[in-house]
Amino acid sequence: MGLSARLALVPCLILAGANPRAEAAATGSLSGVLKDATGRPVPGADLRLISSALPGDRLLVTDGAGAFRFDLLLPGSYAVQVRKEGFQLLKASFIVQEGQEQKVQLTLTARAPRAEDGSG
């Protein structure tokens, strides 16, 4: 292999060895706990993270303790939509900053029971 071919490989090798910590430092995260109005955790809720900084929406489900975490988010504005049967749709907005973890607590409100119309 000639000298010019070896020199051409140097940038490729440098890029291949890019530091993942540097990439993580340029991002932030959004984490928190989802609770109901009584303060109890809400497991199994569907969360949708929306932002122009994302190539598409990110989806996840709260764990048994109602916890959730979105990692490796570029700095910017994000919207979260939370759906869970028996509760009203929750929408919230957050700012994610570089190198920061945005910790939040979200509270779902129970959906009012439907009144029977009595016809039938």
PDB file of N, CA and C in Angstrom:
ATOM      1  N   MET A   1       0.848  -1.163   0.000  1.00  0.00           N
ATOM      2  CA  MET A   1       0.000   0.000   0.000  1.00  0.00           C
ATOM      3  C   MET A   1       0.894   1.226   0.000  1.00  0.00           C
ATOM      4  N   GLY A   2       0.606   2.153  -0.916  1.00  0.00           N
ATOM      5  CA  GLY A   2       1.413   3.353  -1.036  1.00  0.00           C
ATOM      6  C   GLY A   2       1.123   4.353   0.065  1.00  0.00           C
ATOM      7  N   LEU A   3       1.984   5.347   0.180  1.00  0.00           N
ATOM      8  CA  LEU A   3       1.850   6.379   1.212  1.00  0.00           C
ATOM      9  C   LEU A   3       0.535   7.136   1.072  1.00  0.00           C
ATOM     10  N   SER A   4       0.147   7.464  -0.150  1.00  0.00           N
ATOM     11  CA  SER A   4      -1.097   8.229  -0.330  1.00  0.00           C
ATOM     12  C   SER A   4      -2.308   7.410   0.110  1.00  0.00           C
ATOM     13  N   ALA A   5      -2.295   6.094  -0.122  1.00  0.00           N
ATOM     14  CA  ALA A   5      -3.408   5.244   0.302  1.00  0.00           C
ATOM     15  C   ALA A   5      -3.471   5.175   1.823  1.00  0.00           C
ATOM     16  N   ARG A   6      -2.298   5.088   2.474  1.00  0.00           N
ATOM     17  CA  ARG A   6      -2.273   5.053   3.944  1.00  0.00           C
ATOM     18  C   ARG A   6      -2.766   6.369   4.528  1.00  0.00           C
ATOM     19  N   LEU A   7      -2.382   7.482   3.937  1.00  0.00           N
ATOM     20  CA  LEU A   7      -2.825   8.780   4.437  1.00  0.00           C
ATOM     21  C   LEU A   7      -4.329   8.957   4.243  1.00  0.00           C
ATOM     22  N   ALA A   8      -4.872   8.384   3.184  1.00  0.00           N
ATOM     23  CA  ALA A   8      -6.304   8.481   2.943  1.00  0.00           C
ATOM     24  C   ALA A   8      -7.094   7.703   3.997  1.00  0.00           C
ATOM     25  N   LEU A   9      -6.493   6.652   4.566  1.00  0.00           N
ATOM     26  CA  LEU A   9      -7.169   5.862   5.586  1.00  0.00           C
ATOM     27  C   LEU A   9      -7.183   6.537   6.950  1.00  0.00           C
ATOM     28  N   VAL A  10      -6.284   7.452   7.210  1.00  0.00           N
ATOM     29  CA  VAL A  10      -6.179   8.083   8.529  1.00  0.00           C
ATOM     30  C   VAL A  10      -7.487   8.746   8.954  1.00  0.00           C
ATOM     31  N   PRO A  11      -8.123   9.596   8.106  1.00  0.00           N
ATOM     32  CA  PRO A  11      -9.383  10.210   8.551  1.00  0.00           C
ATOM     33  C   PRO A  11     -10.471   9.181   8.847  1.00  0.00           C
ATOM     34  N   CYS A  12     -10.505   8.096   8.084  1.00  0.00           N
ATOM     35  CA  CYS A  12     -11.499   7.048   8.319  1.00  0.00           C
ATOM     36  C   CYS A  12     -11.274   6.389   9.673  1.00  0.00           C
ATOM     37  N   LEU A  13     -10.040   6.130  10.016  1.00  0.00           N
ATOM     38  CA  LEU A  13      -9.740   5.501  11.289  1.00  0.00           C
ATOM     39  C   LEU A  13     -10.038   6.442  12.442  1.00  0.00           C
ATOM     40  N   ILE A  14      -9.778   7.714  12.270  1.00  0.00           N
ATOM     41  CA  ILE A  14     -10.075   8.682  13.321  1.00  0.00           C
ATOM     42  C   ILE A  14     -11.582   8.755  13.547  1.00  0.00           C
ATOM     43  N   LEU A  15     -12.377   8.811  12.464  1.00  0.00           N
ATOM     44  CA  LEU A  15     -13.823   8.870  12.597  1.00  0.00           C
ATOM     45  C   LEU A  15     -14.384   7.590  13.196  1.00  0.00           C
ATOM     46  N   ALA A  16     -13.814   6.462  12.849  1.00  0.00           N
ATOM     47  CA  ALA A  16     -14.286   5.189  13.373  1.00  0.00           C
ATOM     48  C   ALA A  16     -14.073   5.110  14.875  1.00  0.00           C
ATOM     49  N   GLY A  17     -13.076   5.792  15.373  1.00  0.00           N
ATOM     50  CA  GLY A  17     -12.782   5.775  16.800  1.00  0.00           C
ATOM     51  C   GLY A  17     -13.379   6.955  17.534  1.00  0.00           C
ATOM     52  N   ALA A  18     -14.430   7.563  16.991  1.00  0.00           N
ATOM     53  CA  ALA A  18     -15.052   8.717  17.628  1.00  0.00           C
ATOM     54  C   ALA A  18     -15.490   8.359  19.043  1.00  0.00           C
ATOM     55  N   ASN A  19     -15.371   9.307  19.926  1.00  0.00           N
ATOM     56  CA  ASN A  19     -15.655   9.110  21.334  1.00  0.00           C
ATOM     57  C   ASN A  19     -17.167   9.183  21.592  1.00  0.00           C
ATOM     58  N   PRO A  20     -17.807   8.088  22.031  1.00  0.00           N
ATOM     59  CA  PRO A  20     -19.242   8.118  22.300  1.00  0.00           C
ATOM     60  C   PRO A  20     -19.596   9.057  23.448  1.00  0.00           C
ATOM     61  N   ARG A  21     -18.666   9.285  24.365  1.00  0.00           N
ATOM     62  CA  ARG A  21     -18.931  10.218  25.467  1.00  0.00           C
ATOM     63  C   ARG A  21     -19.096  11.633  24.947  1.00  0.00           C
ATOM     64  N   ALA A  22     -18.321  11.992  23.940  1.00  0.00           N
ATOM     65  CA  ALA A  22     -18.452  13.323  23.353  1.00  0.00           C
ATOM     66  C   ALA A  22     -19.824  13.474  22.715  1.00  0.00           C
ATOM     67  N   GLU A  23     -20.300  12.418  22.050  1.00  0.00           N
ATOM     68  CA  GLU A  23     -21.632  12.457  21.440  1.00  0.00           C
ATOM     69  C   GLU A  23     -22.704  12.577  22.510  1.00  0.00           C
ATOM     70  N   ALA A  24     -22.582  11.830  23.602  1.00  0.00           N
ATOM     71  CA  ALA A  24     -23.563  11.867  24.680  1.00  0.00           C
ATOM     72  C   ALA A  24     -23.566  13.233  25.354  1.00  0.00           C
ATOM     73  N   ALA A  25     -22.409  13.878  25.470  1.00  0.00           N
ATOM     74  CA  ALA A  25     -22.336  15.187  26.101  1.00  0.00           C
ATOM     75  C   ALA A  25     -23.048  16.241  25.273  1.00  0.00           C
ATOM     76  N   ALA A  26     -23.159  16.048  23.975  1.00  0.00           N
ATOM     77  CA  ALA A  26     -23.827  17.011  23.103  1.00  0.00           C
ATOM     78  C   ALA A  26     -25.339  16.808  23.114  1.00  0.00           C
ATOM     79  N   THR A  27     -25.816  15.856  23.891  1.00  0.00           N
ATOM     80  CA  THR A  27     -27.243  15.567  23.969  1.00  0.00           C
ATOM     81  C   THR A  27     -27.718  15.734  25.406  1.00  0.00           C
ATOM     82  N   GLY A  28     -28.996  15.624  25.591  1.00  0.00           N
ATOM     83  CA  GLY A  28     -29.586  15.664  26.919  1.00  0.00           C
ATOM     84  C   GLY A  28     -30.583  14.532  27.048  1.00  0.00           C
ATOM     85  N   SER A  29     -31.315  14.507  28.160  1.00  0.00           N
ATOM     86  CA  SER A  29     -32.309  13.460  28.360  1.00  0.00           C
ATOM     87  C   SER A  29     -33.536  14.035  29.058  1.00  0.00           C
ATOM     88  N   LEU A  30     -34.615  13.302  28.953  1.00  0.00           N
ATOM     89  CA  LEU A  30     -35.875  13.654  29.600  1.00  0.00           C
ATOM     90  C   LEU A  30     -36.343  12.418  30.354  1.00  0.00           C
ATOM     91  N   SER A  31     -36.530  12.552  31.649  1.00  0.00           N
ATOM     92  CA  SER A  31     -36.956  11.405  32.444  1.00  0.00           C
ATOM     93  C   SER A  31     -37.947  11.862  33.497  1.00  0.00           C
ATOM     94  N   GLY A  32     -38.662  10.907  34.036  1.00  0.00           N
ATOM     95  CA  GLY A  32     -39.603  11.271  35.080  1.00  0.00           C
ATOM     96  C   GLY A  32     -40.479  10.124  35.496  1.00  0.00           C
ATOM     97  N   VAL A  33     -41.542  10.497  36.218  1.00  0.00           N
ATOM     98  CA  VAL A  33     -42.503   9.538  36.743  1.00  0.00           C
ATOM     99  C   VAL A  33     -43.899  10.033  36.389  1.00  0.00           C
ATOM    100  N   LEU A  34     -44.730   9.112  35.972  1.00  0.00           N
ATOM    101  CA  LEU A  34     -46.121   9.402  35.644  1.00  0.00           C
ATOM    102  C   LEU A  34     -46.985   8.918  36.805  1.00  0.00           C
ATOM    103  N   LYS A  35     -47.810   9.835  37.343  1.00  0.00           N
ATOM    104  CA  LYS A  35     -48.677   9.495  38.475  1.00  0.00           C
ATOM    105  C   LYS A  35     -50.111   9.895  38.165  1.00  0.00           C
ATOM    106  N   ASP A  36     -51.031   9.344  38.963  1.00  0.00           N
ATOM    107  CA  ASP A  36     -52.423   9.770  38.842  1.00  0.00           C
ATOM    108  C   ASP A  36     -52.668  10.885  39.862  1.00  0.00           C
ATOM    109  N   ALA A  37     -53.890  11.397  39.919  1.00  0.00           N
ATOM    110  CA  ALA A  37     -54.205  12.532  40.791  1.00  0.00           C
ATOM    111  C   ALA A  37     -54.033  12.208  42.275  1.00  0.00           C
ATOM    112  N   THR A  38     -54.053  10.925  42.636  1.00  0.00           N
ATOM    113  CA  THR A  38     -53.868  10.543  44.037  1.00  0.00           C
ATOM    114  C   THR A  38     -52.394  10.337  44.388  1.00  0.00           C
ATOM    115  N   GLY A  39     -51.506  10.455  43.380  1.00  0.00           N
ATOM    116  CA  GLY A  39     -50.080  10.287  43.620  1.00  0.00           C
ATOM    117  C   GLY A  39     -49.566   8.890  43.375  1.00  0.00           C
ATOM    118  N   ARG A  40     -50.437   8.004  42.914  1.00  0.00           N
ATOM    119  CA  ARG A  40     -50.009   6.627  42.626  1.00  0.00           C
ATOM    120  C   ARG A  40     -49.345   6.573  41.251  1.00  0.00           C
ATOM    121  N   PRO A  41     -48.291   5.771  41.104  1.00  0.00           N
ATOM    122  CA  PRO A  41     -47.651   5.627  39.791  1.00  0.00           C
ATOM    123  C   PRO A  41     -48.599   4.989  38.782  1.00  0.00           C
ATOM    124  N   VAL A  42     -48.417   5.357  37.518  1.00  0.00           N
ATOM    125  CA  VAL A  42     -49.253   4.821  36.436  1.00  0.00           C
ATOM    126  C   VAL A  42     -48.368   3.991  35.509  1.00  0.00           C
ATOM    127  N   PRO A  43     -48.333   2.674  35.701  1.00  0.00           N
ATOM    128  CA  PRO A  43     -47.559   1.812  34.805  1.00  0.00           C
ATOM    129  C   PRO A  43     -48.315   1.558  33.511  1.00  0.00           C
ATOM    130  N   GLY A  44     -47.587   1.228  32.459  1.00  0.00           N
ATOM    131  CA  GLY A  44     -48.196   0.815  31.206  1.00  0.00           C
ATOM    132  C   GLY A  44     -48.812   1.923  30.377  1.00  0.00           C
ATOM    133  N   ALA A  45     -48.460   3.176  30.644  1.00  0.00           N
ATOM    134  CA  ALA A  45     -48.977   4.283  29.839  1.00  0.00           C
ATOM    135  C   ALA A  45     -48.092   4.464  28.605  1.00  0.00           C
ATOM    136  N   ASP A  46     -48.706   4.862  27.505  1.00  0.00           N
ATOM    137  CA  ASP A  46     -47.984   5.091  26.250  1.00  0.00           C
ATOM    138  C   ASP A  46     -47.532   6.538  26.163  1.00  0.00           C
ATOM    139  N   LEU A  47     -46.236   6.747  25.978  1.00  0.00           N
ATOM    140  CA  LEU A  47     -45.673   8.085  25.809  1.00  0.00           C
ATOM    141  C   LEU A  47     -45.163   8.242  24.389  1.00  0.00           C
ATOM    142  N   ARG A  48     -45.443   9.402  23.819  1.00  0.00           N
ATOM    143  CA  ARG A  48     -44.969   9.751  22.475  1.00  0.00           C
ATOM    144  C   ARG A  48     -44.197  11.051  22.609  1.00  0.00           C
ATOM    145  N   LEU A  49     -42.918  11.027  22.222  1.00  0.00           N
ATOM    146  CA  LEU A  49     -42.065  12.218  22.246  1.00  0.00           C
ATOM    147  C   LEU A  49     -41.981  12.776  20.837  1.00  0.00           C
ATOM    148  N   ILE A  50     -42.295  14.065  20.697  1.00  0.00           N
ATOM    149  CA  ILE A  50     -42.370  14.707  19.385  1.00  0.00           C
ATOM    150  C   ILE A  50     -41.462  15.932  19.375  1.00  0.00           C
ATOM    151  N   SER A  51     -40.676  16.081  18.295  1.00  0.00           N
ATOM    152  CA  SER A  51     -39.826  17.261  18.133  1.00  0.00           C
ATOM    153  C   SER A  51     -39.303  17.319  16.710  1.00  0.00           C
ATOM    154  N   SER A  52     -39.078  18.532  16.244  1.00  0.00           N
ATOM    155  CA  SER A  52     -38.453  18.689  14.929  1.00  0.00           C
ATOM    156  C   SER A  52     -36.990  18.250  14.972  1.00  0.00           C
ATOM    157  N   ALA A  53     -36.433  18.089  16.178  1.00  0.00           N
ATOM    158  CA  ALA A  53     -35.051  17.624  16.334  1.00  0.00           C
ATOM    159  C   ALA A  53     -34.937  16.111  16.158  1.00  0.00           C
ATOM    160  N   LEU A  54     -36.076  15.427  16.076  1.00  0.00           N
ATOM    161  CA  LEU A  54     -36.079  13.968  15.909  1.00  0.00           C
ATOM    162  C   LEU A  54     -36.429  13.596  14.474  1.00  0.00           C
ATOM    163  N   PRO A  55     -35.863  12.500  13.963  1.00  0.00           N
ATOM    164  CA  PRO A  55     -36.234  12.052  12.623  1.00  0.00           C
ATOM    165  C   PRO A  55     -37.653  11.482  12.589  1.00  0.00           C
ATOM    166  N   GLY A  56     -38.182  11.111  13.729  1.00  0.00           N
ATOM    167  CA  GLY A  56     -39.540  10.580  13.870  1.00  0.00           C
ATOM    168  C   GLY A  56     -39.887  10.577  15.343  1.00  0.00           C
ATOM    169  N   ASP A  57     -41.142  10.316  15.659  1.00  0.00           N
ATOM    170  CA  ASP A  57     -41.546  10.282  17.064  1.00  0.00           C
ATOM    171  C   ASP A  57     -40.863   9.119  17.775  1.00  0.00           C
ATOM    172  N   ARG A  58     -40.610   9.301  19.055  1.00  0.00           N
ATOM    173  CA  ARG A  58     -40.105   8.207  19.894  1.00  0.00           C
ATOM    174  C   ARG A  58     -41.238   7.751  20.797  1.00  0.00           C
ATOM    175  N   LEU A  59     -41.377   6.442  20.913  1.00  0.00           N
ATOM    176  CA  LEU A  59     -42.448   5.854  21.704  1.00  0.00           C
ATOM    177  C   LEU A  59     -41.866   4.990  22.808  1.00  0.00           C
ATOM    178  N   LEU A  60     -42.511   5.010  23.960  1.00  0.00           N
ATOM    179  CA  LEU A  60     -42.158   4.076  25.018  1.00  0.00           C
ATOM    180  C   LEU A  60     -43.337   3.909  25.947  1.00  0.00           C
ATOM    181  N   VAL A  61     -43.223   2.953  26.874  1.00  0.00           N
ATOM    182  CA  VAL A  61     -44.275   2.640  27.837  1.00  0.00           C
ATOM    183  C   VAL A  61     -43.678   2.786  29.227  1.00  0.00           C
ATOM    184  N   THR A  62     -44.445   3.414  30.143  1.00  0.00           N
ATOM    185  CA  THR A  62     -43.938   3.560  31.508  1.00  0.00           C
ATOM    186  C   THR A  62     -43.771   2.185  32.155  1.00  0.00           C
ATOM    187  N   ASP A  63     -42.766   2.086  33.026  1.00  0.00           N
ATOM    188  CA  ASP A  63     -42.502   0.807  33.691  1.00  0.00           C
ATOM    189  C   ASP A  63     -43.456   0.614  34.877  1.00  0.00           C
ATOM    190  N   GLY A  64     -43.241  -0.417  35.659  1.00  0.00           N
ATOM    191  CA  GLY A  64     -44.110  -0.748  36.783  1.00  0.00           C
ATOM    192  C   GLY A  64     -44.207   0.325  37.844  1.00  0.00           C
ATOM    193  N   ALA A  65     -43.210   1.202  37.907  1.00  0.00           N
ATOM    194  CA  ALA A  65     -43.203   2.307  38.874  1.00  0.00           C
ATOM    195  C   ALA A  65     -43.659   3.611  38.228  1.00  0.00           C
ATOM    196  N   GLY A  66     -44.135   3.541  36.974  1.00  0.00           N
ATOM    197  CA  GLY A  66     -44.567   4.745  36.267  1.00  0.00           C
ATOM    198  C   GLY A  66     -43.417   5.559  35.711  1.00  0.00           C
ATOM    199  N   ALA A  67     -42.212   5.022  35.741  1.00  0.00           N
ATOM    200  CA  ALA A  67     -41.027   5.765  35.303  1.00  0.00           C
ATOM    201  C   ALA A  67     -40.818   5.656  33.797  1.00  0.00           C
ATOM    202  N   PHE A  68     -40.169   6.681  33.254  1.00  0.00           N
ATOM    203  CA  PHE A  68     -39.827   6.702  31.832  1.00  0.00           C
ATOM    204  C   PHE A  68     -38.540   7.493  31.651  1.00  0.00           C
ATOM    205  N   ARG A  69     -37.876   7.275  30.499  1.00  0.00           N
ATOM    206  CA  ARG A  69     -36.630   7.977  30.207  1.00  0.00           C
ATOM    207  C   ARG A  69     -36.381   7.967  28.706  1.00  0.00           C
ATOM    208  N   PHE A  70     -36.156   9.155  28.162  1.00  0.00           N
ATOM    209  CA  PHE A  70     -35.750   9.324  26.774  1.00  0.00           C
ATOM    210  C   PHE A  70     -34.317   9.846  26.800  1.00  0.00           C
ATOM    211  N   ASP A  71     -33.373   9.098  26.220  1.00  0.00           N
ATOM    212  CA  ASP A  71     -31.959   9.485  26.208  1.00  0.00           C
ATOM    213  C   ASP A  71     -31.530   9.975  24.831  1.00  0.00           C
ATOM    214  N   LEU A  72     -30.323  10.550  24.786  1.00  0.00           N
ATOM    215  CA  LEU A  72     -29.675  10.991  23.548  1.00  0.00           C
ATOM    216  C   LEU A  72     -30.558  11.931  22.732  1.00  0.00           C
ATOM    217  N   LEU A  73     -31.097  12.953  23.408  1.00  0.00           N
ATOM    218  CA  LEU A  73     -31.928  13.951  22.744  1.00  0.00           C
ATOM    219  C   LEU A  73     -31.092  15.179  22.415  1.00  0.00           C
ATOM    220  N   LEU A  74     -31.212  15.637  21.188  1.00  0.00           N
ATOM    221  CA  LEU A  74     -30.544  16.881  20.816  1.00  0.00           C
ATOM    222  C   LEU A  74     -31.196  18.027  21.574  1.00  0.00           C
ATOM    223  N   PRO A  75     -30.428  19.058  21.908  1.00  0.00           N
ATOM    224  CA  PRO A  75     -31.021  20.200  22.598  1.00  0.00           C
ATOM    225  C   PRO A  75     -32.159  20.802  21.770  1.00  0.00           C
ATOM    226  N   GLY A  76     -33.230  21.209  22.454  1.00  0.00           N
ATOM    227  CA  GLY A  76     -34.353  21.821  21.768  1.00  0.00           C
ATOM    228  C   GLY A  76     -35.661  21.611  22.497  1.00  0.00           C
ATOM    229  N   SER A  77     -36.752  21.959  21.819  1.00  0.00           N
ATOM    230  CA  SER A  77     -38.101  21.847  22.374  1.00  0.00           C
ATOM    231  C   SER A  77     -38.703  20.485  22.041  1.00  0.00           C
ATOM    232  N   TYR A  78     -39.371  19.910  23.020  1.00  0.00           N
ATOM    233  CA  TYR A  78     -40.003  18.606  22.860  1.00  0.00           C
ATOM    234  C   TYR A  78     -41.424  18.647  23.420  1.00  0.00           C
ATOM    235  N   ALA A  79     -42.301  17.898  22.807  1.00  0.00           N
ATOM    236  CA  ALA A  79     -43.665  17.717  23.307  1.00  0.00           C
ATOM    237  C   ALA A  79     -43.853  16.247  23.645  1.00  0.00           C
ATOM    238  N   VAL A  80     -44.580  15.997  24.718  1.00  0.00           N
ATOM    239  CA  VAL A  80     -44.888  14.635  25.132  1.00  0.00           C
ATOM    240  C   VAL A  80     -46.400  14.479  25.164  1.00  0.00           C
ATOM    241  N   GLN A  81     -46.879  13.382  24.593  1.00  0.00           N
ATOM    242  CA  GLN A  81     -48.289  13.016  24.686  1.00  0.00           C
ATOM    243  C   GLN A  81     -48.358  11.705  25.454  1.00  0.00           C
ATOM    244  N   VAL A  82     -49.259  11.658  26.438  1.00  0.00           N
ATOM    245  CA  VAL A  82     -49.396  10.468  27.278  1.00  0.00           C
ATOM    246  C   VAL A  82     -50.819   9.944  27.162  1.00  0.00           C
ATOM    247  N   ARG A  83     -50.931   8.659  26.847  1.00  0.00           N
ATOM    248  CA  ARG A  83     -52.243   8.005  26.734  1.00  0.00           C
ATOM    249  C   ARG A  83     -52.279   6.787  27.655  1.00  0.00           C
ATOM    250  N   LYS A  84     -53.408   6.671  28.347  1.00  0.00           N
ATOM    251  CA  LYS A  84     -53.658   5.496  29.187  1.00  0.00           C
ATOM    252  C   LYS A  84     -55.166   5.358  29.315  1.00  0.00           C
ATOM    253  N   GLU A  85     -55.662   4.140  29.099  1.00  0.00           N
ATOM    254  CA  GLU A  85     -57.098   3.901  29.191  1.00  0.00           C
ATOM    255  C   GLU A  85     -57.615   4.345  30.560  1.00  0.00           C
ATOM    256  N   GLY A  86     -58.747   5.046  30.548  1.00  0.00           N
ATOM    257  CA  GLY A  86     -59.351   5.519  31.788  1.00  0.00           C
ATOM    258  C   GLY A  86     -58.890   6.912  32.200  1.00  0.00           C
ATOM    259  N   PHE A  87     -57.942   7.487  31.438  1.00  0.00           N
ATOM    260  CA  PHE A  87     -57.413   8.813  31.748  1.00  0.00           C
ATOM    261  C   PHE A  87     -57.539   9.733  30.540  1.00  0.00           C
ATOM    262  N   GLN A  88     -57.547  11.037  30.814  1.00  0.00           N
ATOM    263  CA  GLN A  88     -57.558  12.026  29.747  1.00  0.00           C
ATOM    264  C   GLN A  88     -56.178  12.080  29.093  1.00  0.00           C
ATOM    265  N   LEU A  89     -56.157  12.414  27.814  1.00  0.00           N
ATOM    266  CA  LEU A  89     -54.895  12.612  27.107  1.00  0.00           C
ATOM    267  C   LEU A  89     -54.134  13.748  27.779  1.00  0.00           C
ATOM    268  N   LEU A  90     -52.858  13.527  28.032  1.00  0.00           N
ATOM    269  CA  LEU A  90     -52.007  14.552  28.634  1.00  0.00           C
ATOM    270  C   LEU A  90     -51.003  15.020  27.601  1.00  0.00           C
ATOM    271  N   LYS A  91     -50.867  16.338  27.468  1.00  0.00           N
ATOM    272  CA  LYS A  91     -49.857  16.932  26.593  1.00  0.00           C
ATOM    273  C   LYS A  91     -49.015  17.882  27.425  1.00  0.00           C
ATOM    274  N   ALA A  92     -47.705  17.808  27.244  1.00  0.00           N
ATOM    275  CA  ALA A  92     -46.787  18.678  27.976  1.00  0.00           C
ATOM    276  C   ALA A  92     -45.605  19.016  27.077  1.00  0.00           C
ATOM    277  N   SER A  93     -44.976  20.140  27.343  1.00  0.00           N
ATOM    278  CA  SER A  93     -43.816  20.590  26.562  1.00  0.00           C
ATOM    279  C   SER A  93     -42.625  20.811  27.481  1.00  0.00           C
ATOM    280  N   PHE A  94     -41.431  20.530  26.939  1.00  0.00           N
ATOM    281  CA  PHE A  94     -40.202  20.645  27.713  1.00  0.00           C
ATOM    282  C   PHE A  94     -39.071  21.150  26.837  1.00  0.00           C
ATOM    283  N   ILE A  95     -38.084  21.745  27.463  1.00  0.00           N
ATOM    284  CA  ILE A  95     -36.853  22.153  26.799  1.00  0.00           C
ATOM    285  C   ILE A  95     -35.746  21.220  27.287  1.00  0.00           C
ATOM    286  N   VAL A  96     -35.034  20.611  26.353  1.00  0.00           N
ATOM    287  CA  VAL A  96     -33.890  19.760  26.687  1.00  0.00           C
ATOM    288  C   VAL A  96     -32.630  20.537  26.364  1.00  0.00           C
ATOM    289  N   GLN A  97     -31.707  20.562  27.330  1.00  0.00           N
ATOM    290  CA  GLN A  97     -30.445  21.282  27.150  1.00  0.00           C
ATOM    291  C   GLN A  97     -29.286  20.300  27.067  1.00  0.00           C
ATOM    292  N   GLU A  98     -28.262  20.720  26.362  1.00  0.00           N
ATOM    293  CA  GLU A  98     -27.066  19.897  26.174  1.00  0.00           C
ATOM    294  C   GLU A  98     -26.447  19.519  27.515  1.00  0.00           C
ATOM    295  N   GLY A  99     -26.186  18.227  27.675  1.00  0.00           N
ATOM    296  CA  GLY A  99     -25.523  17.727  28.876  1.00  0.00           C
ATOM    297  C   GLY A  99     -26.388  17.721  30.119  1.00  0.00           C
ATOM    298  N   GLN A 100     -27.684  17.977  29.989  1.00  0.00           N
ATOM    299  CA  GLN A 100     -28.576  18.047  31.142  1.00  0.00           C
ATOM    300  C   GLN A 100     -29.640  16.955  31.089  1.00  0.00           C
ATOM    301  N   GLU A 101     -30.068  16.517  32.260  1.00  0.00           N
ATOM    302  CA  GLU A 101     -31.204  15.610  32.360  1.00  0.00           C
ATOM    303  C   GLU A 101     -32.383  16.413  32.880  1.00  0.00           C
ATOM    304  N   GLN A 102     -33.415  16.517  32.069  1.00  0.00           N
ATOM    305  CA  GLN A 102     -34.641  17.215  32.454  1.00  0.00           C
ATOM    306  C   GLN A 102     -35.518  16.219  33.189  1.00  0.00           C
ATOM    307  N   LYS A 103     -35.684  16.390  34.520  1.00  0.00           N
ATOM    308  CA  LYS A 103     -36.508  15.480  35.318  1.00  0.00           C
ATOM    309  C   LYS A 103     -37.869  16.117  35.540  1.00  0.00           C
ATOM    310  N   VAL A 104     -38.918  15.322  35.272  1.00  0.00           N
ATOM    311  CA  VAL A 104     -40.279  15.854  35.376  1.00  0.00           C
ATOM    312  C   VAL A 104     -41.186  14.851  36.080  1.00  0.00           C
ATOM    313  N   GLN A 105     -42.276  15.365  36.630  1.00  0.00           N
ATOM    314  CA  GLN A 105     -43.341  14.498  37.129  1.00  0.00           C
ATOM    315  C   GLN A 105     -44.596  14.895  36.381  1.00  0.00           C
ATOM    316  N   LEU A 106     -45.225  13.922  35.767  1.00  0.00           N
ATOM    317  CA  LEU A 106     -46.449  14.154  35.009  1.00  0.00           C
ATOM    318  C   LEU A 106     -47.613  13.543  35.775  1.00  0.00           C
ATOM    319  N   THR A 107     -48.756  14.214  35.744  1.00  0.00           N
ATOM    320  CA  THR A 107     -49.939  13.732  36.451  1.00  0.00           C
ATOM    321  C   THR A 107     -51.099  13.572  35.488  1.00  0.00           C
ATOM    322  N   LEU A 108     -51.645  12.360  35.444  1.00  0.00           N
ATOM    323  CA  LEU A 108     -52.811  12.075  34.614  1.00  0.00           C
ATOM    324  C   LEU A 108     -54.090  12.334  35.411  1.00  0.00           C
ATOM    325  N   THR A 109     -55.098  12.823  34.698  1.00  0.00           N
ATOM    326  CA  THR A 109     -56.412  13.057  35.289  1.00  0.00           C
ATOM    327  C   THR A 109     -57.366  11.983  34.780  1.00  0.00           C
ATOM    328  N   ALA A 110     -58.106  11.393  35.719  1.00  0.00           N
ATOM    329  CA  ALA A 110     -59.059  10.345  35.338  1.00  0.00           C
ATOM    330  C   ALA A 110     -60.118  10.918  34.403  1.00  0.00           C
ATOM    331  N   ARG A 111     -60.490  10.124  33.418  1.00  0.00           N
ATOM    332  CA  ARG A 111     -61.552  10.503  32.493  1.00  0.00           C
ATOM    333  C   ARG A 111     -62.888  10.388  33.238  1.00  0.00           C
ATOM    334  N   ALA A 112     -63.753  11.395  33.042  1.00  0.00           N
ATOM    335  CA  ALA A 112     -65.077  11.359  33.672  1.00  0.00           C
ATOM    336  C   ALA A 112     -65.870  10.197  33.106  1.00  0.00           C
ATOM    337  N   PRO A 113     -66.618   9.495  33.949  1.00  0.00           N
ATOM    338  CA  PRO A 113     -67.424   8.389  33.438  1.00  0.00           C
ATOM    339  C   PRO A 113     -68.499   8.918  32.473  1.00  0.00           C
ATOM    340  N   ARG A 114     -68.782   8.131  31.462  1.00  0.00           N
ATOM    341  CA  ARG A 114     -69.797   8.511  30.483  1.00  0.00           C
ATOM    342  C   ARG A 114     -71.179   8.306  31.081  1.00  0.00           C
ATOM    343  N   ALA A 115     -72.010   9.298  30.910  1.00  0.00           N
ATOM    344  CA  ALA A 115     -73.383   9.186  31.414  1.00  0.00           C
ATOM    345  C   ALA A 115     -74.200   8.345  30.450  1.00  0.00           C
ATOM    346  N   GLU A 116     -74.997   7.455  30.985  1.00  0.00           N
ATOM    347  CA  GLU A 116     -75.888   6.638  30.154  1.00  0.00           C
ATOM    348  C   GLU A 116     -77.044   7.513  29.699  1.00  0.00           C
ATOM    349  N   ASP A 117     -77.444   7.391  28.452  1.00  0.00           N
ATOM    350  CA  ASP A 117     -78.504   8.237  27.935  1.00  0.00           C
ATOM    351  C   ASP A 117     -79.904   7.707  28.242  1.00  0.00           C
ATOM    352  N   GLY A 118     -80.005   6.490  28.724  1.00  0.00           N
ATOM    353  CA  GLY A 118     -81.280   5.930  29.142  1.00  0.00           C
ATOM    354  C   GLY A 118     -82.157   5.422  28.013  1.00  0.00           C
ATOM    355  N   SER A 119     -81.754   5.664  26.781  1.00  0.00           N
ATOM    356  CA  SER A 119     -82.563   5.164  25.667  1.00  0.00           C
ATOM    357  C   SER A 119     -82.187   3.738  25.356  1.00  0.00           C
ATOM    358  N   GLY A 120     -83.158   3.030  24.826  1.00  0.00           N
ATOM    359  CA  GLY A 120     -82.700   1.816  24.395  1.00  0.00           C
ATOM    360  C   GLY A 120     -83.298   0.577  24.374  1.00  0.00           C
TER     361      GLY A 120
END
